[in-house]
Amino acid sequence: MTRQRQAVLEALQRSEVHPTADEVYRIVRRRLPQISLGTVYRSLDMLSESGLIRALELGGAQKRFDAKTHPHYHARCLSCGRVEDVPIEPAIAMERAARRATDYTITGHRLEFVGLCSRCTTEEKGAGKGGRQAG
């Protein structure tokens, strides 16, 4: 593994918010100022293809990346786009039910919760107390 790929992997392993490629680039540049955005994209692709990270294609506009490759769920903030892990066990019973209800060979599932993160919830409550003015 190259030094650049190692830096990308370590940036993801330290992150709790499932960064986009651009966010990974900004993080890694602090450690390796000469790294290019293209190198970061290629590293993310290679790490994803090798199974060392997961590329998340959630409801947001940009692909995000996760160093945790075991099956788990995510929550995405509809206001700021933040993505976090949801610490609950995957619902394997849903997969079994889908196998029985369809003629598909079900190999897994993805579940994304959406709502407002605690920061955006707090900001909305603050705005509701006179922080926002009618236009």
N, C-alpha and C. Protein backbone atom coordinates (compact mmCIF):
# COMPACT_ATOMS: atom_id res chain seq x y z
N MET A 1 0.86 -1.18 0.00
CA MET A 1 0.00 0.00 0.00
C MET A 1 0.90 1.24 0.00
N THR A 2 0.56 2.17 -0.87
CA THR A 2 1.36 3.39 -0.96
C THR A 2 1.11 4.29 0.25
N ARG A 3 2.00 5.21 0.46
CA ARG A 3 1.88 6.16 1.56
C ARG A 3 0.60 6.99 1.41
N GLN A 4 0.26 7.35 0.17
CA GLN A 4 -0.94 8.14 -0.06
C GLN A 4 -2.20 7.34 0.28
N ARG A 5 -2.24 6.08 -0.15
CA ARG A 5 -3.42 5.25 0.17
C ARG A 5 -3.54 5.03 1.67
N GLN A 6 -2.41 4.83 2.32
CA GLN A 6 -2.41 4.65 3.77
C GLN A 6 -2.96 5.89 4.46
N ALA A 7 -2.58 7.06 3.98
CA ALA A 7 -3.06 8.32 4.57
C ALA A 7 -4.57 8.47 4.35
N VAL A 8 -5.06 8.09 3.17
CA VAL A 8 -6.50 8.15 2.89
C VAL A 8 -7.24 7.19 3.81
N LEU A 9 -6.74 5.97 3.95
CA LEU A 9 -7.37 4.97 4.82
C LEU A 9 -7.40 5.45 6.26
N GLU A 10 -6.30 5.99 6.74
CA GLU A 10 -6.24 6.47 8.13
C GLU A 10 -7.18 7.65 8.35
N ALA A 11 -7.32 8.53 7.36
CA ALA A 11 -8.25 9.65 7.49
C ALA A 11 -9.68 9.13 7.65
N LEU A 12 -10.02 8.10 6.89
CA LEU A 12 -11.37 7.52 7.00
C LEU A 12 -11.55 6.81 8.34
N GLN A 13 -10.54 6.12 8.79
CA GLN A 13 -10.64 5.38 10.05
C GLN A 13 -10.83 6.33 11.23
N ARG A 14 -10.33 7.54 11.14
CA ARG A 14 -10.47 8.52 12.23
C ARG A 14 -11.77 9.31 12.13
N SER A 15 -12.45 9.24 11.01
CA SER A 15 -13.64 10.04 10.79
C SER A 15 -14.89 9.36 11.31
N GLU A 16 -15.77 10.15 11.89
CA GLU A 16 -17.07 9.64 12.35
C GLU A 16 -18.20 10.08 11.44
N VAL A 17 -17.89 10.92 10.42
CA VAL A 17 -18.96 11.55 9.64
C VAL A 17 -19.02 11.11 8.18
N HIS A 18 -18.30 10.07 7.80
CA HIS A 18 -18.39 9.54 6.45
C HIS A 18 -18.16 10.62 5.40
N PRO A 19 -16.93 11.07 5.26
CA PRO A 19 -16.63 12.20 4.38
C PRO A 19 -16.78 11.90 2.90
N THR A 20 -16.95 12.98 2.13
CA THR A 20 -16.92 12.89 0.67
C THR A 20 -15.46 12.83 0.24
N ALA A 21 -15.21 12.58 -1.03
CA ALA A 21 -13.85 12.55 -1.55
C ALA A 21 -13.16 13.90 -1.36
N ASP A 22 -13.88 14.99 -1.58
CA ASP A 22 -13.31 16.32 -1.39
C ASP A 22 -12.92 16.56 0.07
N GLU A 23 -13.74 16.09 0.99
CA GLU A 23 -13.43 16.24 2.41
C GLU A 23 -12.22 15.39 2.79
N VAL A 24 -12.12 14.17 2.24
CA VAL A 24 -10.95 13.32 2.49
C VAL A 24 -9.70 14.03 1.96
N TYR A 25 -9.81 14.61 0.79
CA TYR A 25 -8.68 15.34 0.19
C TYR A 25 -8.20 16.45 1.12
N ARG A 26 -9.12 17.25 1.67
CA ARG A 26 -8.74 18.35 2.56
C ARG A 26 -8.05 17.81 3.83
N ILE A 27 -8.53 16.69 4.34
CA ILE A 27 -7.94 16.10 5.54
C ILE A 27 -6.53 15.59 5.24
N VAL A 28 -6.38 14.84 4.15
CA VAL A 28 -5.10 14.23 3.82
C VAL A 28 -4.07 15.28 3.44
N ARG A 29 -4.49 16.37 2.83
CA ARG A 29 -3.55 17.44 2.43
C ARG A 29 -2.83 18.05 3.61
N ARG A 30 -3.44 18.01 4.79
CA ARG A 30 -2.76 18.52 5.98
C ARG A 30 -1.52 17.70 6.29
N ARG A 31 -1.60 16.41 6.00
CA ARG A 31 -0.47 15.50 6.26
C ARG A 31 0.46 15.38 5.05
N LEU A 32 -0.12 15.35 3.86
CA LEU A 32 0.64 15.21 2.61
C LEU A 32 0.27 16.37 1.69
N PRO A 33 0.88 17.53 1.85
CA PRO A 33 0.48 18.72 1.07
C PRO A 33 0.59 18.55 -0.44
N GLN A 34 1.42 17.64 -0.92
CA GLN A 34 1.62 17.48 -2.36
C GLN A 34 0.61 16.52 -3.01
N ILE A 35 -0.25 15.89 -2.23
CA ILE A 35 -1.18 14.91 -2.80
C ILE A 35 -2.20 15.62 -3.70
N SER A 36 -2.57 14.97 -4.79
CA SER A 36 -3.54 15.57 -5.71
C SER A 36 -4.93 15.00 -5.44
N LEU A 37 -5.92 15.73 -5.88
CA LEU A 37 -7.31 15.26 -5.75
C LEU A 37 -7.50 13.96 -6.53
N GLY A 38 -6.88 13.87 -7.70
CA GLY A 38 -6.96 12.64 -8.50
C GLY A 38 -6.41 11.43 -7.76
N THR A 39 -5.31 11.62 -7.04
CA THR A 39 -4.72 10.52 -6.26
C THR A 39 -5.68 10.09 -5.16
N VAL A 40 -6.34 11.05 -4.54
CA VAL A 40 -7.30 10.71 -3.49
C VAL A 40 -8.47 9.92 -4.09
N TYR A 41 -8.99 10.36 -5.23
CA TYR A 41 -10.09 9.63 -5.88
C TYR A 41 -9.65 8.22 -6.26
N ARG A 42 -8.48 8.07 -6.84
CA ARG A 42 -7.99 6.73 -7.22
C ARG A 42 -7.78 5.86 -5.99
N SER A 43 -7.27 6.46 -4.92
CA SER A 43 -7.06 5.70 -3.68
C SER A 43 -8.38 5.24 -3.10
N LEU A 44 -9.38 6.12 -3.09
CA LEU A 44 -10.70 5.73 -2.59
C LEU A 44 -11.29 4.60 -3.42
N ASP A 45 -11.16 4.70 -4.74
CA ASP A 45 -11.67 3.64 -5.62
C ASP A 45 -10.97 2.31 -5.33
N MET A 46 -9.64 2.33 -5.23
CA MET A 46 -8.88 1.11 -4.98
C MET A 46 -9.21 0.51 -3.61
N LEU A 47 -9.29 1.36 -2.59
CA LEU A 47 -9.60 0.88 -1.25
C LEU A 47 -11.01 0.29 -1.19
N SER A 48 -11.93 0.91 -1.92
CA SER A 48 -13.30 0.41 -1.98
C SER A 48 -13.37 -0.93 -2.72
N GLU A 49 -12.70 -1.00 -3.87
CA GLU A 49 -12.70 -2.25 -4.65
C GLU A 49 -12.05 -3.40 -3.90
N SER A 50 -11.08 -3.09 -3.06
CA SER A 50 -10.38 -4.14 -2.30
C SER A 50 -11.13 -4.52 -1.02
N GLY A 51 -12.19 -3.79 -0.70
CA GLY A 51 -12.99 -4.12 0.48
C GLY A 51 -12.47 -3.52 1.78
N LEU A 52 -11.48 -2.64 1.70
CA LEU A 52 -10.94 -2.03 2.92
C LEU A 52 -11.81 -0.89 3.43
N ILE A 53 -12.60 -0.29 2.53
CA ILE A 53 -13.56 0.75 2.90
C ILE A 53 -14.84 0.49 2.12
N ARG A 54 -15.89 1.23 2.48
CA ARG A 54 -17.15 1.15 1.73
C ARG A 54 -17.46 2.50 1.11
N ALA A 55 -17.87 2.48 -0.14
CA ALA A 55 -18.38 3.69 -0.79
C ALA A 55 -19.88 3.70 -0.54
N LEU A 56 -20.37 4.78 0.02
CA LEU A 56 -21.79 4.89 0.36
C LEU A 56 -22.49 5.78 -0.65
N GLU A 57 -23.50 5.23 -1.29
CA GLU A 57 -24.31 6.03 -2.21
C GLU A 57 -25.66 6.20 -1.55
N LEU A 58 -25.73 7.22 -0.71
CA LEU A 58 -26.94 7.51 0.04
C LEU A 58 -27.77 8.53 -0.72
N GLY A 59 -28.81 9.02 -0.11
CA GLY A 59 -29.70 9.97 -0.77
C GLY A 59 -29.08 11.32 -1.05
N GLY A 60 -27.93 11.62 -0.48
CA GLY A 60 -27.28 12.90 -0.74
C GLY A 60 -26.69 12.94 -2.14
N ALA A 61 -26.22 14.09 -2.54
CA ALA A 61 -25.72 14.27 -3.91
C ALA A 61 -24.37 13.61 -4.14
N GLN A 62 -23.51 13.56 -3.11
CA GLN A 62 -22.16 13.05 -3.31
C GLN A 62 -21.96 11.71 -2.63
N LYS A 63 -21.11 10.89 -3.23
CA LYS A 63 -20.73 9.62 -2.63
C LYS A 63 -19.93 9.91 -1.37
N ARG A 64 -20.13 9.12 -0.34
CA ARG A 64 -19.39 9.24 0.91
C ARG A 64 -18.66 7.94 1.17
N PHE A 65 -17.72 7.98 2.10
CA PHE A 65 -16.87 6.81 2.33
C PHE A 65 -16.84 6.46 3.80
N ASP A 66 -16.71 5.15 4.07
CA ASP A 66 -16.79 4.63 5.43
C ASP A 66 -15.71 3.57 5.60
N ALA A 67 -14.92 3.68 6.67
CA ALA A 67 -13.88 2.68 6.95
C ALA A 67 -14.46 1.44 7.61
N LYS A 68 -15.69 1.52 8.08
CA LYS A 68 -16.33 0.36 8.72
C LYS A 68 -17.03 -0.44 7.63
N THR A 69 -16.56 -1.65 7.39
CA THR A 69 -17.09 -2.44 6.28
C THR A 69 -18.13 -3.47 6.72
N HIS A 70 -18.33 -3.65 8.01
CA HIS A 70 -19.35 -4.61 8.47
C HIS A 70 -20.74 -4.03 8.20
N PRO A 71 -21.75 -4.89 8.09
CA PRO A 71 -23.11 -4.39 7.83
C PRO A 71 -23.60 -3.48 8.97
N HIS A 72 -24.00 -2.28 8.62
CA HIS A 72 -24.58 -1.36 9.58
C HIS A 72 -25.36 -0.28 8.85
N TYR A 73 -26.14 0.46 9.61
CA TYR A 73 -27.02 1.47 9.03
C TYR A 73 -26.46 2.87 9.26
N HIS A 74 -27.04 3.83 8.52
CA HIS A 74 -26.61 5.22 8.59
C HIS A 74 -27.81 6.14 8.75
N ALA A 75 -27.54 7.31 9.33
CA ALA A 75 -28.53 8.39 9.42
C ALA A 75 -27.93 9.59 8.69
N ARG A 76 -28.74 10.25 7.87
CA ARG A 76 -28.29 11.42 7.10
C ARG A 76 -29.14 12.62 7.46
N CYS A 77 -28.47 13.72 7.77
CA CYS A 77 -29.18 14.96 8.10
C CYS A 77 -29.68 15.61 6.82
N LEU A 78 -30.96 15.91 6.78
CA LEU A 78 -31.57 16.53 5.61
C LEU A 78 -31.19 18.01 5.47
N SER A 79 -30.64 18.58 6.53
CA SER A 79 -30.27 19.98 6.47
C SER A 79 -28.81 20.18 6.08
N CYS A 80 -27.87 19.57 6.83
CA CYS A 80 -26.44 19.80 6.57
C CYS A 80 -25.77 18.67 5.80
N GLY A 81 -26.45 17.52 5.66
CA GLY A 81 -25.89 16.40 4.91
C GLY A 81 -24.99 15.47 5.70
N ARG A 82 -24.78 15.75 6.97
CA ARG A 82 -23.94 14.90 7.82
C ARG A 82 -24.46 13.46 7.80
N VAL A 83 -23.54 12.49 7.79
CA VAL A 83 -23.91 11.07 7.81
C VAL A 83 -23.20 10.41 8.98
N GLU A 84 -23.96 9.69 9.79
CA GLU A 84 -23.39 9.00 10.95
C GLU A 84 -23.90 7.57 11.00
N ASP A 85 -23.15 6.73 11.72
CA ASP A 85 -23.58 5.35 11.94
C ASP A 85 -24.76 5.33 12.91
N VAL A 86 -25.65 4.37 12.71
CA VAL A 86 -26.74 4.12 13.65
C VAL A 86 -26.40 2.80 14.35
N PRO A 87 -26.13 2.85 15.65
CA PRO A 87 -25.65 1.65 16.35
C PRO A 87 -26.76 0.66 16.73
N ILE A 88 -27.38 0.06 15.71
CA ILE A 88 -28.36 -0.99 15.95
C ILE A 88 -27.99 -2.18 15.07
N GLU A 89 -28.45 -3.34 15.47
CA GLU A 89 -28.17 -4.55 14.71
C GLU A 89 -28.93 -4.55 13.38
N PRO A 90 -28.31 -5.00 12.30
CA PRO A 90 -29.01 -5.10 11.01
C PRO A 90 -30.21 -6.05 11.12
N ALA A 91 -31.28 -5.71 10.43
CA ALA A 91 -32.53 -6.48 10.46
C ALA A 91 -32.47 -7.61 9.44
N ILE A 92 -31.86 -8.70 9.84
CA ILE A 92 -31.71 -9.86 8.95
C ILE A 92 -33.08 -10.46 8.61
N ALA A 93 -34.05 -10.31 9.52
CA ALA A 93 -35.39 -10.84 9.26
C ALA A 93 -36.00 -10.18 8.03
N MET A 94 -35.65 -8.91 7.74
CA MET A 94 -36.17 -8.24 6.54
C MET A 94 -35.65 -8.95 5.29
N GLU A 95 -34.40 -9.37 5.29
CA GLU A 95 -33.85 -10.07 4.13
C GLU A 95 -34.57 -11.39 3.92
N ARG A 96 -34.80 -12.11 5.00
CA ARG A 96 -35.52 -13.39 4.88
C ARG A 96 -36.92 -13.16 4.31
N ALA A 97 -37.61 -12.13 4.81
CA ALA A 97 -38.96 -11.83 4.34
C ALA A 97 -38.92 -11.44 2.86
N ALA A 98 -37.92 -10.69 2.44
CA ALA A 98 -37.80 -10.30 1.03
C ALA A 98 -37.53 -11.52 0.15
N ARG A 99 -36.73 -12.45 0.63
CA ARG A 99 -36.48 -13.69 -0.13
C ARG A 99 -37.78 -14.47 -0.35
N ARG A 100 -38.61 -14.53 0.71
CA ARG A 100 -39.87 -15.27 0.62
C ARG A 100 -40.87 -14.54 -0.27
N ALA A 101 -40.85 -13.22 -0.28
CA ALA A 101 -41.85 -12.44 -0.98
C ALA A 101 -41.54 -12.19 -2.45
N THR A 102 -40.31 -12.49 -2.88
CA THR A 102 -39.91 -12.21 -4.26
C THR A 102 -39.19 -13.42 -4.84
N ASP A 103 -38.92 -13.32 -6.14
CA ASP A 103 -38.12 -14.37 -6.76
C ASP A 103 -36.66 -13.93 -6.89
N TYR A 104 -36.27 -12.88 -6.16
CA TYR A 104 -34.90 -12.39 -6.16
C TYR A 104 -34.01 -13.26 -5.29
N THR A 105 -32.76 -13.31 -5.62
CA THR A 105 -31.76 -13.87 -4.74
C THR A 105 -31.22 -12.68 -3.94
N ILE A 106 -31.76 -12.47 -2.78
CA ILE A 106 -31.40 -11.33 -1.95
C ILE A 106 -30.03 -11.59 -1.33
N THR A 107 -29.12 -10.65 -1.54
CA THR A 107 -27.76 -10.81 -1.01
C THR A 107 -27.45 -9.81 0.10
N GLY A 108 -28.35 -8.90 0.38
CA GLY A 108 -28.15 -7.92 1.43
C GLY A 108 -29.15 -6.79 1.28
N HIS A 109 -29.01 -5.81 2.14
CA HIS A 109 -29.88 -4.64 2.05
C HIS A 109 -29.16 -3.42 2.61
N ARG A 110 -29.67 -2.24 2.25
CA ARG A 110 -29.17 -0.98 2.76
C ARG A 110 -30.36 -0.23 3.35
N LEU A 111 -30.11 0.42 4.44
CA LEU A 111 -31.16 1.19 5.08
C LEU A 111 -30.57 2.52 5.52
N GLU A 112 -31.22 3.60 5.12
CA GLU A 112 -30.77 4.94 5.48
C GLU A 112 -31.89 5.63 6.24
N PHE A 113 -31.57 6.11 7.43
CA PHE A 113 -32.50 6.92 8.19
C PHE A 113 -32.24 8.37 7.83
N VAL A 114 -33.28 9.17 7.73
CA VAL A 114 -33.11 10.59 7.42
C VAL A 114 -33.81 11.41 8.49
N GLY A 115 -33.30 12.58 8.73
CA GLY A 115 -33.87 13.48 9.73
C GLY A 115 -32.94 14.66 9.91
N LEU A 116 -32.95 15.25 11.09
CA LEU A 116 -32.07 16.36 11.41
C LEU A 116 -31.10 15.94 12.49
N CYS A 117 -29.82 16.23 12.30
CA CYS A 117 -28.82 15.94 13.32
C CYS A 117 -29.08 16.84 14.53
N SER A 118 -28.41 16.55 15.64
CA SER A 118 -28.65 17.33 16.86
C SER A 118 -28.32 18.81 16.67
N ARG A 119 -27.25 19.12 15.93
CA ARG A 119 -26.87 20.52 15.71
C ARG A 119 -27.95 21.25 14.91
N CYS A 120 -28.43 20.63 13.84
CA CYS A 120 -29.46 21.28 13.01
C CYS A 120 -30.79 21.36 13.75
N THR A 121 -31.11 20.37 14.58
CA THR A 121 -32.32 20.42 15.38
C THR A 121 -32.27 21.60 16.34
N THR A 122 -31.10 21.78 16.99
CA THR A 122 -30.92 22.89 17.91
C THR A 122 -31.04 24.22 17.19
N GLU A 123 -30.43 24.31 16.00
CA GLU A 123 -30.51 25.56 15.23
C GLU A 123 -31.94 25.87 14.81
N GLU A 124 -32.70 24.83 14.42
CA GLU A 124 -34.09 25.05 14.02
C GLU A 124 -34.93 25.51 15.20
N LYS A 125 -34.69 24.92 16.37
CA LYS A 125 -35.44 25.33 17.56
C LYS A 125 -35.11 26.76 17.92
N GLY A 126 -33.83 27.13 17.79
CA GLY A 126 -33.41 28.50 18.06
C GLY A 126 -34.01 29.48 17.09
N ALA A 127 -34.10 29.08 15.83
CA ALA A 127 -34.69 29.95 14.79
C ALA A 127 -36.19 30.13 15.05
N GLY A 128 -36.81 29.11 15.60
CA GLY A 128 -38.24 29.19 15.87
C GLY A 128 -38.57 30.12 17.04
N LYS A 129 -37.57 30.48 17.85
CA LYS A 129 -37.78 31.35 19.01
C LYS A 129 -37.44 32.80 18.67
N GLY A 130 -37.82 33.21 17.48
CA GLY A 130 -37.60 34.60 17.10
C GLY A 130 -36.34 34.79 16.29
N GLY A 131 -35.59 33.73 16.06
CA GLY A 131 -34.36 33.83 15.28
C GLY A 131 -34.62 34.06 13.82
N ARG A 132 -35.74 33.60 13.32
CA ARG A 132 -36.10 33.77 11.90
C ARG A 132 -37.16 34.83 11.79
N GLN A 133 -37.01 35.65 10.80
CA GLN A 133 -38.02 36.68 10.58
C GLN A 133 -38.77 36.37 9.29
N ALA A 134 -40.06 36.66 9.32
CA ALA A 134 -40.87 36.45 8.12
C ALA A 134 -40.47 37.45 7.05
N GLY A 135 -40.49 37.00 5.79
CA GLY A 135 -40.07 37.87 4.69
C GLY A 135 -41.20 38.42 4.03
